[in-house]
Amino acid sequence: MNTINDILNQKADDLFGDDALFDLIPTPAAPDIKKSEIKTAPDLPVNNTEQIKIAIHRVKDQLDGILRLLNGEVIKSNEPTGIVSAQTLETGEKIIEGNFNGEKMIDNDGKEYGVPANYASKSKLVEGDLMKLTITKNGSFIFKQIGPVERRRVTGELIFNADSGQYTAIAEGKTYKVLTASITFFKGNHGDEVVLVVPRNNASAWGAVDNVI
């Protein structure tokens, strides 16, 4: 029997060709799933970098699931059908998916999970990004961006509110909230020119600081 690596090497061209990305990859919760039941990804434009990244992250997550199954771990889904937004491994780890709201991750049930400001700043997370949270047996939270939204950059002015002690940025006539950790990292001050990363197609209250000039 071929190993997982052999299969991946043989099918490397398929993953990035015209064929569906997931032709040979079973979902983690169903190792014996029939080929006809495997979900396929839509065709991705070659020049759409963000969609390609999302597809790669999905492939990696499914491969992680396969490795867990080969190691004898059992994945218990919290949802009987549809997209799995939360799952618990036999090892005791819990995996939850949600969207970043500029400050926290919100799951499908509306529950909030605080994302460390330093991680959000360093990763330049944008409002609407799809994230995965792994809660370990010892209670540690491990966040990972798995589905970035399309982005664009805007330039504005950094404003400091002495009453609240918070920074905001005004760009294109709109006021964006920004993480204080980002401003501290770039040593920003009131009146500085700031470059923000915001969603390309969706309105947002938050902007990720890309740089302070």
N, C-alpha and C. Protein backbone atom coordinates (compact mmCIF):
# COMPACT_ATOMS: atom_id res chain seq x y z
N MET A 1 0.85 -1.20 0.00
CA MET A 1 0.00 0.00 0.00
C MET A 1 0.89 1.25 0.00
N ASN A 2 0.53 2.23 -0.83
CA ASN A 2 1.30 3.46 -0.85
C ASN A 2 1.11 4.23 0.44
N THR A 3 2.15 4.93 0.84
CA THR A 3 2.04 5.80 2.00
C THR A 3 1.37 7.09 1.62
N ILE A 4 0.98 7.88 2.66
CA ILE A 4 0.35 9.19 2.40
C ILE A 4 1.27 10.06 1.55
N ASN A 5 2.58 10.06 1.87
CA ASN A 5 3.53 10.88 1.11
C ASN A 5 3.59 10.45 -0.35
N ASP A 6 3.54 9.11 -0.61
CA ASP A 6 3.55 8.62 -1.98
C ASP A 6 2.35 9.13 -2.76
N ILE A 7 1.19 9.05 -2.09
CA ILE A 7 -0.05 9.51 -2.74
C ILE A 7 0.03 10.99 -3.07
N LEU A 8 0.53 11.79 -2.09
CA LEU A 8 0.64 13.23 -2.31
C LEU A 8 1.60 13.54 -3.45
N ASN A 9 2.73 12.82 -3.50
CA ASN A 9 3.70 13.05 -4.56
C ASN A 9 3.10 12.73 -5.94
N GLN A 10 2.33 11.63 -5.99
CA GLN A 10 1.74 11.23 -7.26
C GLN A 10 0.66 12.20 -7.71
N LYS A 11 -0.01 12.83 -6.74
CA LYS A 11 -1.14 13.69 -7.07
C LYS A 11 -0.84 15.17 -6.91
N ALA A 12 0.41 15.56 -6.84
CA ALA A 12 0.77 16.97 -6.64
C ALA A 12 0.21 17.84 -7.75
N ASP A 13 0.29 17.34 -9.00
CA ASP A 13 -0.21 18.12 -10.12
C ASP A 13 -1.72 18.29 -10.04
N ASP A 14 -2.42 17.26 -9.51
CA ASP A 14 -3.87 17.34 -9.42
C ASP A 14 -4.32 18.43 -8.46
N LEU A 15 -3.55 18.62 -7.37
CA LEU A 15 -3.94 19.60 -6.37
C LEU A 15 -3.97 21.01 -6.92
N PHE A 16 -3.12 21.30 -7.92
CA PHE A 16 -3.04 22.65 -8.45
C PHE A 16 -3.42 22.71 -9.93
N GLY A 17 -4.07 21.64 -10.45
CA GLY A 17 -4.51 21.65 -11.82
C GLY A 17 -5.98 21.96 -11.90
N ASP A 18 -6.63 21.47 -12.98
CA ASP A 18 -8.04 21.76 -13.19
C ASP A 18 -8.93 20.84 -12.38
N ASP A 19 -8.36 19.74 -11.87
CA ASP A 19 -9.18 18.80 -11.11
C ASP A 19 -9.53 19.37 -9.75
N ALA A 20 -10.55 18.79 -9.10
CA ALA A 20 -10.96 19.24 -7.76
C ALA A 20 -9.83 19.01 -6.79
N LEU A 21 -9.71 19.90 -5.81
CA LEU A 21 -8.62 19.85 -4.86
C LEU A 21 -8.69 18.66 -3.93
N PHE A 22 -9.89 18.16 -3.71
CA PHE A 22 -10.03 17.17 -2.65
C PHE A 22 -10.43 15.79 -3.20
N ASP A 23 -10.04 15.48 -4.43
CA ASP A 23 -10.48 14.23 -5.04
C ASP A 23 -10.12 13.01 -4.21
N LEU A 24 -8.89 13.03 -3.60
CA LEU A 24 -8.42 11.83 -2.89
C LEU A 24 -8.35 12.03 -1.40
N ILE A 25 -8.90 13.12 -0.89
CA ILE A 25 -8.73 13.42 0.54
C ILE A 25 -10.04 13.22 1.27
N PRO A 26 -10.18 12.21 2.13
CA PRO A 26 -11.41 12.02 2.90
C PRO A 26 -11.49 13.03 4.02
N THR A 27 -12.73 13.36 4.43
CA THR A 27 -12.89 14.25 5.56
C THR A 27 -12.45 13.55 6.82
N PRO A 28 -11.87 14.30 7.83
CA PRO A 28 -11.35 13.68 9.04
C PRO A 28 -12.37 12.85 9.80
N ALA A 29 -13.66 13.28 9.75
CA ALA A 29 -14.66 12.59 10.56
C ALA A 29 -15.18 11.32 9.88
N ALA A 30 -14.81 11.08 8.62
CA ALA A 30 -15.34 9.92 7.92
C ALA A 30 -14.27 9.27 7.07
N PRO A 31 -13.41 8.44 7.69
CA PRO A 31 -12.29 7.84 6.96
C PRO A 31 -12.74 6.87 5.87
N ASP A 32 -13.96 6.30 5.97
CA ASP A 32 -14.43 5.33 5.01
C ASP A 32 -15.41 5.93 4.01
N ILE A 33 -15.41 7.23 3.88
CA ILE A 33 -16.37 7.92 3.04
C ILE A 33 -16.18 7.51 1.58
N LYS A 34 -17.27 7.33 0.83
CA LYS A 34 -17.20 6.95 -0.56
C LYS A 34 -16.74 8.13 -1.40
N LYS A 35 -16.10 7.81 -2.53
CA LYS A 35 -15.59 8.86 -3.41
C LYS A 35 -16.70 9.78 -3.89
N SER A 36 -17.89 9.22 -4.12
CA SER A 36 -19.01 10.02 -4.62
C SER A 36 -19.50 11.02 -3.60
N GLU A 37 -19.14 10.80 -2.32
CA GLU A 37 -19.60 11.68 -1.26
C GLU A 37 -18.59 12.74 -0.89
N ILE A 38 -17.40 12.67 -1.48
CA ILE A 38 -16.36 13.64 -1.15
C ILE A 38 -16.70 14.98 -1.75
N LYS A 39 -16.65 16.02 -0.95
CA LYS A 39 -16.93 17.37 -1.41
C LYS A 39 -15.75 17.88 -2.22
N THR A 40 -16.05 18.57 -3.30
CA THR A 40 -14.99 19.14 -4.12
C THR A 40 -15.02 20.64 -4.03
N ALA A 41 -13.85 21.25 -4.22
CA ALA A 41 -13.74 22.71 -4.16
C ALA A 41 -13.99 23.28 -5.54
N PRO A 42 -14.55 24.50 -5.63
CA PRO A 42 -14.76 25.12 -6.92
C PRO A 42 -13.43 25.46 -7.58
N ASP A 43 -13.47 25.63 -8.92
CA ASP A 43 -12.26 26.01 -9.63
C ASP A 43 -11.77 27.36 -9.13
N LEU A 44 -10.47 27.48 -8.94
CA LEU A 44 -9.89 28.71 -8.43
C LEU A 44 -9.14 29.44 -9.52
N PRO A 45 -9.39 30.75 -9.69
CA PRO A 45 -8.61 31.51 -10.66
C PRO A 45 -7.14 31.48 -10.28
N VAL A 46 -6.28 31.31 -11.27
CA VAL A 46 -4.85 31.20 -11.00
C VAL A 46 -4.31 32.45 -10.34
N ASN A 47 -4.89 33.60 -10.69
CA ASN A 47 -4.37 34.85 -10.17
C ASN A 47 -5.01 35.27 -8.86
N ASN A 48 -5.88 34.44 -8.30
CA ASN A 48 -6.54 34.80 -7.05
C ASN A 48 -5.76 34.19 -5.89
N THR A 49 -4.79 34.94 -5.38
CA THR A 49 -3.89 34.43 -4.35
C THR A 49 -4.63 34.06 -3.08
N GLU A 50 -5.60 34.87 -2.67
CA GLU A 50 -6.29 34.62 -1.41
C GLU A 50 -7.07 33.31 -1.47
N GLN A 51 -7.76 33.03 -2.58
CA GLN A 51 -8.52 31.79 -2.69
C GLN A 51 -7.60 30.59 -2.71
N ILE A 52 -6.44 30.74 -3.36
CA ILE A 52 -5.47 29.64 -3.38
C ILE A 52 -4.99 29.35 -1.97
N LYS A 53 -4.71 30.43 -1.18
CA LYS A 53 -4.28 30.24 0.21
C LYS A 53 -5.34 29.50 1.01
N ILE A 54 -6.61 29.88 0.82
CA ILE A 54 -7.70 29.24 1.55
C ILE A 54 -7.75 27.75 1.20
N ALA A 55 -7.61 27.45 -0.10
CA ALA A 55 -7.64 26.05 -0.52
C ALA A 55 -6.51 25.26 0.09
N ILE A 56 -5.31 25.85 0.13
CA ILE A 56 -4.16 25.16 0.71
C ILE A 56 -4.38 24.89 2.19
N HIS A 57 -4.94 25.90 2.90
CA HIS A 57 -5.20 25.71 4.34
C HIS A 57 -6.20 24.57 4.54
N ARG A 58 -7.22 24.50 3.68
CA ARG A 58 -8.22 23.43 3.82
C ARG A 58 -7.59 22.06 3.59
N VAL A 59 -6.73 21.98 2.56
CA VAL A 59 -6.05 20.72 2.30
C VAL A 59 -5.21 20.31 3.50
N LYS A 60 -4.46 21.28 4.07
CA LYS A 60 -3.61 21.00 5.22
C LYS A 60 -4.44 20.52 6.41
N ASP A 61 -5.59 21.16 6.65
CA ASP A 61 -6.43 20.75 7.77
C ASP A 61 -6.94 19.33 7.57
N GLN A 62 -7.29 18.98 6.33
CA GLN A 62 -7.77 17.63 6.09
C GLN A 62 -6.65 16.62 6.24
N LEU A 63 -5.43 16.97 5.82
CA LEU A 63 -4.30 16.08 6.02
C LEU A 63 -4.01 15.88 7.50
N ASP A 64 -4.15 16.97 8.28
CA ASP A 64 -3.97 16.85 9.73
C ASP A 64 -4.98 15.85 10.29
N GLY A 65 -6.21 15.91 9.78
CA GLY A 65 -7.24 14.97 10.23
C GLY A 65 -6.90 13.54 9.88
N ILE A 66 -6.35 13.34 8.66
CA ILE A 66 -5.96 11.99 8.25
C ILE A 66 -4.88 11.43 9.17
N LEU A 67 -3.88 12.28 9.50
CA LEU A 67 -2.81 11.83 10.38
C LEU A 67 -3.34 11.46 11.75
N ARG A 68 -4.31 12.23 12.25
CA ARG A 68 -4.90 11.90 13.55
C ARG A 68 -5.61 10.55 13.48
N LEU A 69 -6.32 10.32 12.38
CA LEU A 69 -7.02 9.04 12.23
C LEU A 69 -6.02 7.89 12.17
N LEU A 70 -4.92 8.08 11.45
CA LEU A 70 -3.91 7.03 11.36
C LEU A 70 -3.25 6.78 12.70
N ASN A 71 -3.22 7.80 13.55
CA ASN A 71 -2.64 7.65 14.89
C ASN A 71 -3.64 7.08 15.89
N GLY A 72 -4.83 6.77 15.41
CA GLY A 72 -5.82 6.14 16.27
C GLY A 72 -6.69 7.11 17.03
N GLU A 73 -6.64 8.41 16.68
CA GLU A 73 -7.47 9.38 17.37
C GLU A 73 -8.86 9.39 16.75
N VAL A 74 -9.86 9.63 17.60
CA VAL A 74 -11.24 9.69 17.13
C VAL A 74 -11.71 11.12 17.20
N ILE A 75 -12.30 11.59 16.10
CA ILE A 75 -12.81 12.96 16.06
C ILE A 75 -14.32 12.91 16.23
N LYS A 76 -14.80 13.58 17.24
CA LYS A 76 -16.23 13.62 17.52
C LYS A 76 -16.77 14.98 17.11
N SER A 77 -17.67 14.98 16.14
CA SER A 77 -18.24 16.23 15.65
C SER A 77 -19.38 16.68 16.54
N ASN A 78 -19.46 18.01 16.78
CA ASN A 78 -20.57 18.56 17.55
C ASN A 78 -21.78 18.82 16.66
N GLU A 79 -21.64 18.59 15.35
CA GLU A 79 -22.74 18.81 14.44
C GLU A 79 -22.95 17.52 13.63
N PRO A 80 -24.19 17.01 13.56
CA PRO A 80 -24.43 15.76 12.86
C PRO A 80 -24.25 15.86 11.36
N THR A 81 -24.55 17.00 10.76
CA THR A 81 -24.43 17.18 9.32
C THR A 81 -23.88 18.56 9.05
N GLY A 82 -23.56 18.79 7.76
CA GLY A 82 -23.11 20.11 7.36
C GLY A 82 -21.66 20.35 7.71
N ILE A 83 -21.25 21.62 7.64
CA ILE A 83 -19.87 21.99 7.93
C ILE A 83 -19.58 21.84 9.41
N VAL A 84 -18.48 21.21 9.74
CA VAL A 84 -18.10 21.02 11.14
C VAL A 84 -17.45 22.30 11.65
N SER A 85 -18.08 22.97 12.60
CA SER A 85 -17.53 24.20 13.16
C SER A 85 -16.85 23.94 14.49
N ALA A 86 -17.13 22.80 15.12
CA ALA A 86 -16.50 22.46 16.39
C ALA A 86 -16.35 20.95 16.46
N GLN A 87 -15.20 20.49 16.89
CA GLN A 87 -14.98 19.06 17.00
C GLN A 87 -14.04 18.79 18.17
N THR A 88 -14.22 17.62 18.79
CA THR A 88 -13.42 17.23 19.93
C THR A 88 -12.65 15.96 19.60
N LEU A 89 -11.35 15.99 19.82
CA LEU A 89 -10.51 14.83 19.56
C LEU A 89 -10.51 13.91 20.76
N GLU A 90 -10.18 12.65 20.51
CA GLU A 90 -10.11 11.68 21.60
C GLU A 90 -9.03 12.07 22.61
N THR A 91 -8.03 12.82 22.14
CA THR A 91 -6.96 13.26 23.03
C THR A 91 -7.42 14.33 24.00
N GLY A 92 -8.62 14.87 23.80
CA GLY A 92 -9.13 15.90 24.70
C GLY A 92 -9.05 17.29 24.12
N GLU A 93 -8.37 17.45 22.99
CA GLU A 93 -8.30 18.75 22.35
C GLU A 93 -9.63 19.09 21.69
N LYS A 94 -9.98 20.36 21.74
CA LYS A 94 -11.21 20.83 21.10
C LYS A 94 -10.84 21.83 20.03
N ILE A 95 -11.46 21.70 18.85
CA ILE A 95 -11.18 22.60 17.74
C ILE A 95 -12.46 23.34 17.37
N ILE A 96 -12.35 24.67 17.30
CA ILE A 96 -13.50 25.53 17.02
C ILE A 96 -13.13 26.48 15.88
N GLU A 97 -14.08 26.72 14.99
CA GLU A 97 -13.87 27.68 13.92
C GLU A 97 -14.78 28.88 14.12
N GLY A 98 -14.32 30.04 13.68
CA GLY A 98 -15.11 31.25 13.80
C GLY A 98 -14.50 32.36 12.97
N ASN A 99 -15.09 33.54 13.06
CA ASN A 99 -14.62 34.69 12.30
C ASN A 99 -14.06 35.76 13.22
N PHE A 100 -13.01 36.42 12.78
CA PHE A 100 -12.39 37.50 13.54
C PHE A 100 -13.22 38.77 13.36
N ASN A 101 -13.52 39.44 14.46
CA ASN A 101 -14.33 40.66 14.38
C ASN A 101 -13.51 41.93 14.58
N GLY A 102 -12.19 41.81 14.48
CA GLY A 102 -11.31 42.95 14.69
C GLY A 102 -10.61 42.91 16.02
N GLU A 103 -11.17 42.12 16.95
CA GLU A 103 -10.62 42.02 18.30
C GLU A 103 -10.74 40.61 18.87
N LYS A 104 -11.82 39.90 18.50
CA LYS A 104 -12.09 38.57 19.04
C LYS A 104 -12.52 37.63 17.91
N MET A 105 -12.52 36.31 18.22
CA MET A 105 -13.07 35.32 17.30
C MET A 105 -14.47 34.96 17.76
N ILE A 106 -15.42 34.96 16.81
CA ILE A 106 -16.81 34.65 17.12
C ILE A 106 -17.18 33.35 16.41
N ASP A 107 -17.66 32.33 17.17
CA ASP A 107 -18.03 31.07 16.54
C ASP A 107 -19.46 31.14 16.02
N ASN A 108 -19.94 30.03 15.45
CA ASN A 108 -21.28 30.00 14.84
C ASN A 108 -22.40 30.22 15.84
N ASP A 109 -22.12 29.96 17.12
CA ASP A 109 -23.12 30.15 18.16
C ASP A 109 -23.06 31.54 18.78
N GLY A 110 -22.15 32.38 18.27
CA GLY A 110 -22.04 33.74 18.79
C GLY A 110 -21.14 33.86 20.01
N LYS A 111 -20.48 32.76 20.39
CA LYS A 111 -19.59 32.81 21.55
C LYS A 111 -18.28 33.49 21.17
N GLU A 112 -17.76 34.33 22.06
CA GLU A 112 -16.56 35.11 21.79
C GLU A 112 -15.33 34.49 22.43
N TYR A 113 -14.22 34.55 21.71
CA TYR A 113 -12.94 34.06 22.21
C TYR A 113 -11.90 35.16 21.98
N GLY A 114 -11.31 35.63 23.07
CA GLY A 114 -10.34 36.71 22.97
C GLY A 114 -9.08 36.30 22.25
N VAL A 115 -8.75 37.00 21.17
CA VAL A 115 -7.52 36.73 20.41
C VAL A 115 -6.41 37.62 20.96
N PRO A 116 -5.26 37.06 21.33
CA PRO A 116 -4.16 37.88 21.85
C PRO A 116 -3.83 39.02 20.89
N ALA A 117 -3.77 40.24 21.43
CA ALA A 117 -3.55 41.43 20.60
C ALA A 117 -2.22 41.34 19.85
N ASN A 118 -1.20 40.78 20.50
CA ASN A 118 0.10 40.68 19.83
C ASN A 118 0.03 39.77 18.61
N TYR A 119 -0.71 38.66 18.74
CA TYR A 119 -0.85 37.74 17.60
C TYR A 119 -1.65 38.41 16.48
N ALA A 120 -2.76 39.07 16.84
CA ALA A 120 -3.60 39.73 15.84
C ALA A 120 -2.82 40.82 15.11
N SER A 121 -1.97 41.54 15.87
CA SER A 121 -1.18 42.61 15.27
C SER A 121 -0.11 42.06 14.34
N LYS A 122 0.62 41.05 14.82
CA LYS A 122 1.70 40.47 14.03
C LYS A 122 1.17 39.82 12.76
N SER A 123 0.02 39.15 12.86
CA SER A 123 -0.57 38.46 11.72
C SER A 123 -1.38 39.40 10.84
N LYS A 124 -1.60 40.62 11.32
CA LYS A 124 -2.40 41.61 10.59
C LYS A 124 -3.76 41.04 10.21
N LEU A 125 -4.42 40.48 11.23
CA LEU A 125 -5.75 39.91 11.02
C LEU A 125 -6.74 41.00 10.65
N VAL A 126 -7.60 40.67 9.72
CA VAL A 126 -8.59 41.62 9.22
C VAL A 126 -9.98 41.13 9.60
N GLU A 127 -10.85 42.07 9.89
CA GLU A 127 -12.21 41.74 10.27
C GLU A 127 -12.86 40.85 9.20
N GLY A 128 -13.38 39.70 9.62
CA GLY A 128 -13.99 38.76 8.70
C GLY A 128 -13.14 37.54 8.40
N ASP A 129 -11.85 37.57 8.78
CA ASP A 129 -10.97 36.42 8.55
C ASP A 129 -11.52 35.18 9.25
N LEU A 130 -11.45 34.03 8.59
CA LEU A 130 -11.84 32.76 9.20
C LEU A 130 -10.67 32.24 10.02
N MET A 131 -10.96 31.82 11.25
CA MET A 131 -9.93 31.36 12.17
C MET A 131 -10.27 30.00 12.75
N LYS A 132 -9.23 29.32 13.22
CA LYS A 132 -9.40 28.04 13.93
C LYS A 132 -8.76 28.17 15.30
N LEU A 133 -9.50 27.76 16.30
CA LEU A 133 -8.99 27.78 17.68
C LEU A 133 -8.86 26.34 18.16
N THR A 134 -7.67 25.99 18.62
CA THR A 134 -7.45 24.69 19.26
C THR A 134 -7.29 24.90 20.75
N ILE A 135 -8.15 24.27 21.53
CA ILE A 135 -8.07 24.34 22.99
C ILE A 135 -7.44 23.03 23.47
N THR A 136 -6.25 23.10 24.02
CA THR A 136 -5.51 21.91 24.44
C THR A 136 -6.05 21.36 25.75
N LYS A 137 -5.59 20.18 26.11
CA LYS A 137 -6.03 19.55 27.36
C LYS A 137 -5.71 20.39 28.58
N ASN A 138 -4.60 21.15 28.53
CA ASN A 138 -4.23 21.96 29.68
C ASN A 138 -4.86 23.35 29.65
N GLY A 139 -5.76 23.57 28.68
CA GLY A 139 -6.50 24.83 28.63
C GLY A 139 -5.86 25.92 27.80
N SER A 140 -4.76 25.63 27.12
CA SER A 140 -4.11 26.64 26.28
C SER A 140 -4.92 26.88 25.02
N PHE A 141 -4.95 28.14 24.58
CA PHE A 141 -5.66 28.52 23.37
C PHE A 141 -4.63 28.76 22.26
N ILE A 142 -4.81 28.07 21.13
CA ILE A 142 -3.91 28.24 20.00
C ILE A 142 -4.75 28.68 18.80
N PHE A 143 -4.54 29.92 18.36
CA PHE A 143 -5.30 30.47 17.24
C PHE A 143 -4.52 30.33 15.93
N LYS A 144 -5.29 30.19 14.84
CA LYS A 144 -4.66 30.09 13.52
C LYS A 144 -5.62 30.68 12.48
N GLN A 145 -5.08 31.52 11.62
CA GLN A 145 -5.86 32.07 10.52
C GLN A 145 -5.93 31.03 9.41
N ILE A 146 -7.13 30.64 8.99
CA ILE A 146 -7.26 29.60 7.97
C ILE A 146 -7.99 30.09 6.72
N GLY A 147 -8.62 31.25 6.77
CA GLY A 147 -9.35 31.74 5.61
C GLY A 147 -9.36 33.25 5.55
N PRO A 148 -8.27 33.87 5.05
CA PRO A 148 -8.22 35.33 4.98
C PRO A 148 -9.18 35.89 3.94
N VAL A 149 -9.86 36.99 4.29
CA VAL A 149 -10.72 37.67 3.32
C VAL A 149 -9.84 38.49 2.38
N GLU A 150 -10.41 38.90 1.26
CA GLU A 150 -9.66 39.75 0.34
C GLU A 150 -9.41 41.10 1.00
N ARG A 151 -8.21 41.66 0.74
CA ARG A 151 -7.79 42.86 1.44
C ARG A 151 -7.48 44.01 0.48
N ARG A 152 -7.44 45.21 1.08
CA ARG A 152 -6.93 46.38 0.39
C ARG A 152 -6.30 47.29 1.43
N ARG A 153 -5.44 48.21 0.98
CA ARG A 153 -4.77 49.12 1.90
C ARG A 153 -5.32 50.54 1.74
N VAL A 154 -5.46 51.21 2.87
CA VAL A 154 -5.88 52.62 2.87
C VAL A 154 -4.91 53.39 3.75
N THR A 155 -4.74 54.65 3.44
CA THR A 155 -3.84 55.51 4.21
C THR A 155 -4.64 56.57 4.93
N GLY A 156 -4.31 56.82 6.20
CA GLY A 156 -5.05 57.80 6.97
C GLY A 156 -4.20 58.44 8.04
N GLU A 157 -4.88 59.07 8.99
CA GLU A 157 -4.20 59.78 10.07
C GLU A 157 -4.50 59.12 11.41
N LEU A 158 -3.50 58.97 12.22
CA LEU A 158 -3.64 58.36 13.53
C LEU A 158 -4.13 59.40 14.54
N ILE A 159 -5.17 59.04 15.28
CA ILE A 159 -5.77 59.96 16.26
C ILE A 159 -5.73 59.31 17.65
N PHE A 160 -5.29 60.08 18.64
CA PHE A 160 -5.28 59.58 20.02
C PHE A 160 -6.33 60.30 20.83
N ASN A 161 -7.19 59.53 21.51
CA ASN A 161 -8.23 60.09 22.37
C ASN A 161 -7.72 60.05 23.81
N ALA A 162 -7.43 61.23 24.37
CA ALA A 162 -6.86 61.30 25.71
C ALA A 162 -7.84 60.79 26.77
N ASP A 163 -9.13 60.96 26.55
CA ASP A 163 -10.13 60.53 27.53
C ASP A 163 -10.21 59.01 27.64
N SER A 164 -10.20 58.33 26.49
CA SER A 164 -10.31 56.88 26.49
C SER A 164 -8.96 56.18 26.49
N GLY A 165 -7.92 56.94 26.11
CA GLY A 165 -6.59 56.35 26.03
C GLY A 165 -6.44 55.41 24.85
N GLN A 166 -7.34 55.53 23.86
CA GLN A 166 -7.35 54.65 22.70
C GLN A 166 -7.00 55.40 21.42
N TYR A 167 -6.43 54.66 20.48
CA TYR A 167 -6.12 55.22 19.16
C TYR A 167 -7.19 54.80 18.15
N THR A 168 -7.44 55.68 17.21
CA THR A 168 -8.25 55.36 16.04
C THR A 168 -7.51 55.91 14.82
N ALA A 169 -8.01 55.58 13.64
CA ALA A 169 -7.39 56.11 12.43
C ALA A 169 -8.50 56.58 11.49
N ILE A 170 -8.30 57.74 10.89
CA ILE A 170 -9.27 58.28 9.94
C ILE A 170 -8.70 58.10 8.54
N ALA A 171 -9.42 57.34 7.72
CA ALA A 171 -8.97 57.08 6.35
C ALA A 171 -10.18 57.07 5.42
N GLU A 172 -10.06 57.77 4.31
CA GLU A 172 -11.13 57.86 3.32
C GLU A 172 -12.44 58.32 3.96
N GLY A 173 -12.32 59.23 4.91
CA GLY A 173 -13.50 59.79 5.56
C GLY A 173 -14.17 58.89 6.57
N LYS A 174 -13.55 57.77 6.90
CA LYS A 174 -14.11 56.82 7.85
C LYS A 174 -13.16 56.63 9.02
N THR A 175 -13.72 56.45 10.22
CA THR A 175 -12.92 56.22 11.42
C THR A 175 -12.83 54.72 11.70
N TYR A 176 -11.61 54.22 11.79
CA TYR A 176 -11.37 52.80 12.06
C TYR A 176 -10.78 52.62 13.46
N LYS A 177 -11.23 51.59 14.16
CA LYS A 177 -10.59 51.20 15.41
C LYS A 177 -9.31 50.46 15.06
N VAL A 178 -8.30 50.63 15.90
CA VAL A 178 -7.03 49.91 15.70
C VAL A 178 -6.58 49.35 17.04
N LEU A 179 -5.82 48.27 16.98
CA LEU A 179 -5.31 47.65 18.20
C LEU A 179 -4.16 48.48 18.77
N THR A 180 -4.23 48.75 20.06
CA THR A 180 -3.18 49.53 20.71
C THR A 180 -1.83 48.83 20.59
N ALA A 181 -1.84 47.50 20.62
CA ALA A 181 -0.59 46.75 20.51
C ALA A 181 0.11 47.04 19.18
N SER A 182 -0.67 47.25 18.12
CA SER A 182 -0.08 47.56 16.82
C SER A 182 0.56 48.94 16.82
N ILE A 183 -0.12 49.90 17.41
CA ILE A 183 0.42 51.26 17.46
C ILE A 183 1.68 51.29 18.31
N THR A 184 1.67 50.56 19.41
CA THR A 184 2.85 50.50 20.29
C THR A 184 4.03 49.88 19.55
N PHE A 185 3.77 48.81 18.79
CA PHE A 185 4.84 48.13 18.06
C PHE A 185 5.49 49.07 17.04
N PHE A 186 4.67 49.84 16.33
CA PHE A 186 5.21 50.74 15.32
C PHE A 186 5.60 52.12 15.89
N LYS A 187 5.45 52.26 17.22
CA LYS A 187 5.79 53.53 17.89
C LYS A 187 5.04 54.70 17.27
N GLY A 188 3.75 54.49 17.05
CA GLY A 188 2.92 55.54 16.46
C GLY A 188 2.52 56.60 17.46
N ASN A 189 2.26 57.81 16.95
CA ASN A 189 1.84 58.93 17.77
C ASN A 189 0.71 59.67 17.08
N HIS A 190 0.01 60.47 17.87
CA HIS A 190 -1.09 61.28 17.35
C HIS A 190 -0.62 62.11 16.16
N GLY A 191 -1.38 62.04 15.07
CA GLY A 191 -1.05 62.83 13.89
C GLY A 191 -0.19 62.11 12.87
N ASP A 192 0.34 60.93 13.23
CA ASP A 192 1.17 60.18 12.28
C ASP A 192 0.32 59.66 11.13
N GLU A 193 0.98 59.48 9.99
CA GLU A 193 0.31 58.85 8.86
C GLU A 193 0.37 57.33 9.05
N VAL A 194 -0.78 56.67 8.87
CA VAL A 194 -0.86 55.24 9.13
C VAL A 194 -1.44 54.52 7.92
N VAL A 195 -0.90 53.34 7.64
CA VAL A 195 -1.40 52.50 6.55
C VAL A 195 -2.17 51.34 7.16
N LEU A 196 -3.42 51.19 6.77
CA LEU A 196 -4.28 50.14 7.31
C LEU A 196 -4.59 49.09 6.25
N VAL A 197 -4.83 47.86 6.71
CA VAL A 197 -5.33 46.79 5.85
C VAL A 197 -6.77 46.53 6.26
N VAL A 198 -7.68 46.63 5.30
CA VAL A 198 -9.11 46.46 5.58
C VAL A 198 -9.71 45.51 4.55
N PRO A 199 -10.90 44.95 4.82
CA PRO A 199 -11.54 44.07 3.84
C PRO A 199 -11.80 44.81 2.53
N ARG A 200 -11.59 44.11 1.43
CA ARG A 200 -11.79 44.74 0.13
C ARG A 200 -13.26 44.96 -0.18
N ASN A 201 -14.10 44.00 0.16
CA ASN A 201 -15.49 44.05 -0.28
C ASN A 201 -16.50 44.27 0.83
N ASN A 202 -16.07 44.25 2.09
CA ASN A 202 -17.01 44.38 3.20
C ASN A 202 -16.68 45.60 4.05
N ALA A 203 -17.72 46.19 4.62
CA ALA A 203 -17.52 47.29 5.55
C ALA A 203 -16.92 46.74 6.84
N SER A 204 -16.10 47.53 7.51
CA SER A 204 -15.48 47.07 8.75
C SER A 204 -15.30 48.24 9.71
N ALA A 205 -15.37 47.92 11.00
CA ALA A 205 -15.14 48.95 12.02
C ALA A 205 -13.68 49.00 12.42
N TRP A 206 -12.94 47.92 12.11
CA TRP A 206 -11.53 47.81 12.52
C TRP A 206 -10.63 47.81 11.31
N GLY A 207 -9.41 48.30 11.51
CA GLY A 207 -8.39 48.24 10.49
C GLY A 207 -7.12 47.64 11.09
N ALA A 208 -6.45 46.76 10.34
CA ALA A 208 -5.19 46.19 10.81
C ALA A 208 -4.06 47.14 10.40
N VAL A 209 -3.21 47.49 11.35
CA VAL A 209 -2.13 48.43 11.08
C VAL A 209 -1.03 47.72 10.29
N ASP A 210 -0.78 48.24 9.09
CA ASP A 210 0.27 47.67 8.24
C ASP A 210 1.59 48.40 8.46
N ASN A 211 1.50 49.70 8.75
CA ASN A 211 2.70 50.49 9.00
C ASN A 211 2.31 51.87 9.49
N VAL A 212 3.23 52.51 10.17
CA VAL A 212 3.05 53.90 10.60
C VAL A 212 4.18 54.70 10.00
N ILE A 213 3.83 55.76 9.29
CA ILE A 213 4.83 56.60 8.65
C ILE A 213 5.12 57.81 9.52
